[in-house]
């Protein structure tokens, strides 16, 4: 990823792996902690499914620094194959969401994929925002983009992921955390 500044100098982003969690068994919660403060942004990449019954999709709750208060807001938009586009938003909720994960009503080999960037996570002078996209393809196709905010100026040092509708992330799911900084 390279950019040019207004004076023509090249600006390169450096992306470094921090941690990857690959599930060898079903688990209810995934925690990333002791996140170093040496990057400008964080990036989460995921390939995941949950045991959410009766639906082919789910999402993941994300809570920063153990905060489960009503300090999060989000908006999303998406499309399912064969239906009209949809959108929504929520404020004053107990988590932000990563969209979209596969649920149990899709074939076992279908894992949704997505990416989420958490901007300026270590800065203590602004609320934290995140933005991403995700989707899955099986007999139905679904794609979503989303953004969210954590109403806190605290530096993010940890976060926890939990399924929204299911009880567990399913074996074979993978979540990778990266740090992004300018060269």
Protein backbone atom coordinates (compact mmCIF):
# COMPACT_ATOMS: atom_id res chain seq x y z
CA UNK A 1 0.00 0.00 0.00
CA UNK A 2 1.66 3.21 -1.10
CA UNK A 3 0.54 6.81 -1.35
CA UNK A 4 2.01 10.07 -2.53
CA UNK A 5 1.92 13.22 -0.48
CA UNK A 6 1.07 16.61 -1.97
CA UNK A 7 4.78 17.34 -2.40
CA UNK A 8 5.30 14.09 -4.31
CA UNK A 9 7.06 12.09 -1.59
CA UNK A 10 5.99 8.48 -1.41
CA UNK A 11 4.28 7.38 1.79
CA UNK A 12 4.24 3.68 2.53
CA UNK A 13 2.16 1.90 5.12
CA UNK A 14 3.77 -0.92 7.03
CA UNK A 15 1.46 -3.71 8.16
CA UNK A 16 2.82 -6.01 10.86
CA UNK A 17 1.22 -9.15 12.27
CA UNK A 18 0.51 -8.90 15.99
CA UNK A 19 -1.42 -12.12 16.69
CA UNK A 20 -3.52 -14.78 14.96
CA UNK A 21 -6.09 -16.96 16.71
CA UNK A 22 -6.98 -20.14 14.83
CA UNK A 23 -9.66 -22.22 16.53
CA UNK A 24 -8.92 -25.91 16.97
CA UNK A 25 -12.19 -26.23 18.93
CA UNK A 26 -15.39 -24.20 19.35
CA UNK A 27 -15.00 -21.26 21.77
CA UNK A 28 -17.39 -18.64 23.15
CA UNK A 29 -14.96 -15.71 23.40
CA UNK A 30 -11.77 -14.54 21.73
CA UNK A 31 -9.54 -12.04 23.52
CA UNK A 32 -6.73 -9.91 22.14
CA UNK A 33 -4.88 -8.22 24.99
CA UNK A 34 -1.58 -6.49 25.66
CA UNK A 35 -1.92 -4.69 22.33
CA UNK A 36 1.19 -2.57 21.78
CA UNK A 37 0.63 1.19 21.35
CA UNK A 38 3.28 1.51 18.62
CA UNK A 39 0.97 1.57 15.57
CA UNK A 40 -1.29 4.18 14.05
CA UNK A 41 -4.23 1.84 13.35
CA UNK A 42 -5.25 -1.77 13.99
CA UNK A 43 -6.66 -4.16 11.42
CA UNK A 44 -8.65 -7.32 12.10
CA UNK A 45 -9.03 -9.91 9.34
CA UNK A 46 -11.41 -12.79 9.93
CA UNK A 47 -12.70 -15.99 8.40
CA UNK A 48 -15.39 -17.22 10.72
CA UNK A 49 -18.68 -18.92 11.50
CA UNK A 50 -20.78 -19.40 14.64
CA UNK A 51 -23.27 -21.95 15.87
CA UNK A 52 -26.19 -19.51 15.48
CA UNK A 53 -29.20 -21.70 14.72
CA UNK A 54 -32.00 -21.02 12.23
CA UNK A 55 -30.00 -18.45 10.27
CA UNK A 56 -27.17 -18.55 7.79
CA UNK A 57 -25.48 -15.49 9.25
CA UNK A 58 -24.26 -13.94 12.47
CA UNK A 59 -21.92 -11.15 13.55
CA UNK A 60 -19.37 -10.64 16.30
CA UNK A 61 -19.61 -8.23 19.23
CA UNK A 62 -16.47 -6.22 19.88
CA UNK A 63 -15.83 -4.66 23.29
CA UNK A 64 -12.76 -2.53 23.97
CA UNK A 65 -10.85 -2.54 27.28
CA UNK A 66 -13.60 -4.51 29.02
CA UNK A 67 -16.22 -1.77 28.46
CA UNK A 68 -19.70 -3.33 28.17
CA UNK A 69 -21.59 -0.12 28.92
CA UNK A 70 -23.89 1.62 26.45
CA UNK A 71 -20.94 3.44 24.85
CA UNK A 72 -21.03 2.09 21.29
CA UNK A 73 -22.84 3.03 18.11
CA UNK A 74 -22.82 1.59 14.62
CA UNK A 75 -24.29 1.70 11.16
CA UNK A 76 -24.35 -0.88 8.42
CA UNK A 77 -25.58 -1.50 4.90
CA UNK A 78 -25.69 -4.64 2.84
CA UNK A 79 -27.35 -6.82 0.27
CA UNK A 80 -28.52 -10.43 0.10
CA UNK A 81 -28.85 -12.11 -3.26
CA UNK A 82 -32.42 -11.91 -4.51
CA UNK A 83 -33.51 -9.17 -2.09
CA UNK A 84 -33.40 -5.41 -1.82
CA UNK A 85 -30.46 -3.67 -0.16
CA UNK A 86 -30.85 -2.94 3.56
CA UNK A 87 -29.32 -0.56 6.08
CA UNK A 88 -29.56 0.21 9.76
CA UNK A 89 -27.99 1.89 12.72
CA UNK A 90 -27.90 1.62 16.48
CA UNK A 91 -26.76 3.98 19.24
CA UNK A 92 -26.09 3.61 22.96
CA UNK A 93 -25.51 -0.11 22.75
CA UNK A 94 -23.17 -2.39 24.71
CA UNK A 95 -20.90 -3.31 21.77
CA UNK A 96 -20.00 -2.55 18.17
CA UNK A 97 -20.26 -5.33 15.58
CA UNK A 98 -18.08 -7.02 13.00
CA UNK A 99 -20.27 -8.05 10.07
CA UNK A 100 -20.68 -10.75 8.65
CA UNK A 101 -20.01 -14.27 9.98
CA UNK A 102 -21.65 -17.47 8.75
CA UNK A 103 -24.28 -19.16 10.92
CA UNK A 104 -25.14 -22.83 11.23
CA UNK A 105 -27.76 -22.90 8.46
CA UNK A 106 -25.17 -22.76 5.68
CA UNK A 107 -22.99 -25.68 4.55
CA UNK A 108 -20.26 -26.57 7.05
CA UNK A 109 -17.47 -25.51 4.70
CA UNK A 110 -18.80 -21.94 4.30
CA UNK A 111 -16.92 -19.42 6.43
CA UNK A 112 -17.60 -15.71 5.97
CA UNK A 113 -14.64 -13.39 5.53
CA UNK A 114 -14.12 -9.77 6.47
CA UNK A 115 -11.78 -6.95 7.41
CA UNK A 116 -12.13 -4.22 10.03
CA UNK A 117 -9.83 -1.24 10.67
CA UNK A 118 -9.76 0.45 14.07
CA UNK A 119 -8.48 3.98 13.53
CA UNK A 120 -6.15 5.89 15.86
CA UNK A 121 -6.60 3.26 18.57
CA UNK A 122 -3.76 4.53 20.79
CA UNK A 123 -4.63 8.25 20.64
CA UNK A 124 -6.13 9.65 23.83
CA UNK A 125 -7.60 12.81 22.31
CA UNK A 126 -10.52 11.35 20.34
CA UNK A 127 -13.21 8.69 20.41
CA UNK A 128 -12.36 5.47 18.60
CA UNK A 129 -13.91 4.55 15.26
CA UNK A 130 -13.90 1.39 13.19
CA UNK A 131 -14.86 0.58 9.62
CA UNK A 132 -15.01 -2.66 7.69
CA UNK A 133 -16.74 -5.04 5.35
CA UNK A 134 -17.53 -8.72 5.23
CA UNK A 135 -19.61 -11.33 3.51
CA UNK A 136 -20.21 -14.92 2.61
CA UNK A 137 -21.16 -16.83 -0.47
CA UNK A 138 -23.13 -20.05 -0.55
CA UNK A 139 -26.50 -20.66 -2.18
CA UNK A 140 -27.15 -17.04 -1.16
CA UNK A 141 -24.65 -14.23 -1.40
CA UNK A 142 -24.41 -11.58 1.28
CA UNK A 143 -22.11 -8.57 1.53
CA UNK A 144 -22.05 -5.82 4.16
CA UNK A 145 -20.10 -2.72 5.03
CA UNK A 146 -20.16 -1.29 8.52
CA UNK A 147 -18.76 1.41 10.74
CA UNK A 148 -18.88 2.00 14.45
CA UNK A 149 -17.70 4.16 17.29
CA UNK A 150 -16.62 3.62 20.87
CA UNK A 151 -17.44 6.73 22.89
CA UNK A 152 -14.14 6.81 24.78
CA UNK A 153 -10.82 8.60 24.42
CA UNK A 154 -8.95 5.79 26.22
CA UNK A 155 -6.20 4.06 24.29
CA UNK A 156 -7.29 0.57 23.24
CA UNK A 157 -5.14 -2.04 24.96
CA UNK A 158 -7.43 -5.05 24.56
CA UNK A 159 -10.67 -6.21 23.00
CA UNK A 160 -12.99 -9.19 23.26
CA UNK A 161 -15.04 -10.80 20.47
CA UNK A 162 -18.25 -12.76 21.15
CA UNK A 163 -20.92 -14.07 18.75
CA UNK A 164 -24.05 -11.90 18.68
CA UNK A 165 -26.62 -14.62 17.95
CA UNK A 166 -24.75 -17.84 18.56
CA UNK A 167 -22.99 -19.23 21.62
CA UNK A 168 -19.66 -20.17 20.04
CA UNK A 169 -17.27 -19.42 17.23
CA UNK A 170 -16.86 -22.69 15.30
CA UNK A 171 -13.66 -24.72 14.93
CA UNK A 172 -11.71 -23.53 11.87
CA UNK A 173 -12.53 -19.86 12.42
CA UNK A 174 -9.55 -17.52 12.33
CA UNK A 175 -9.02 -13.96 13.56
CA UNK A 176 -5.78 -12.09 12.81
CA UNK A 177 -4.75 -8.76 14.32
CA UNK A 178 -2.34 -6.44 12.48
CA UNK A 179 -0.76 -3.10 13.29
CA UNK A 180 -0.53 -0.41 10.60
CA UNK A 181 2.01 2.41 10.67
CA UNK A 182 3.59 4.82 8.21
CA UNK A 183 7.13 4.13 7.05
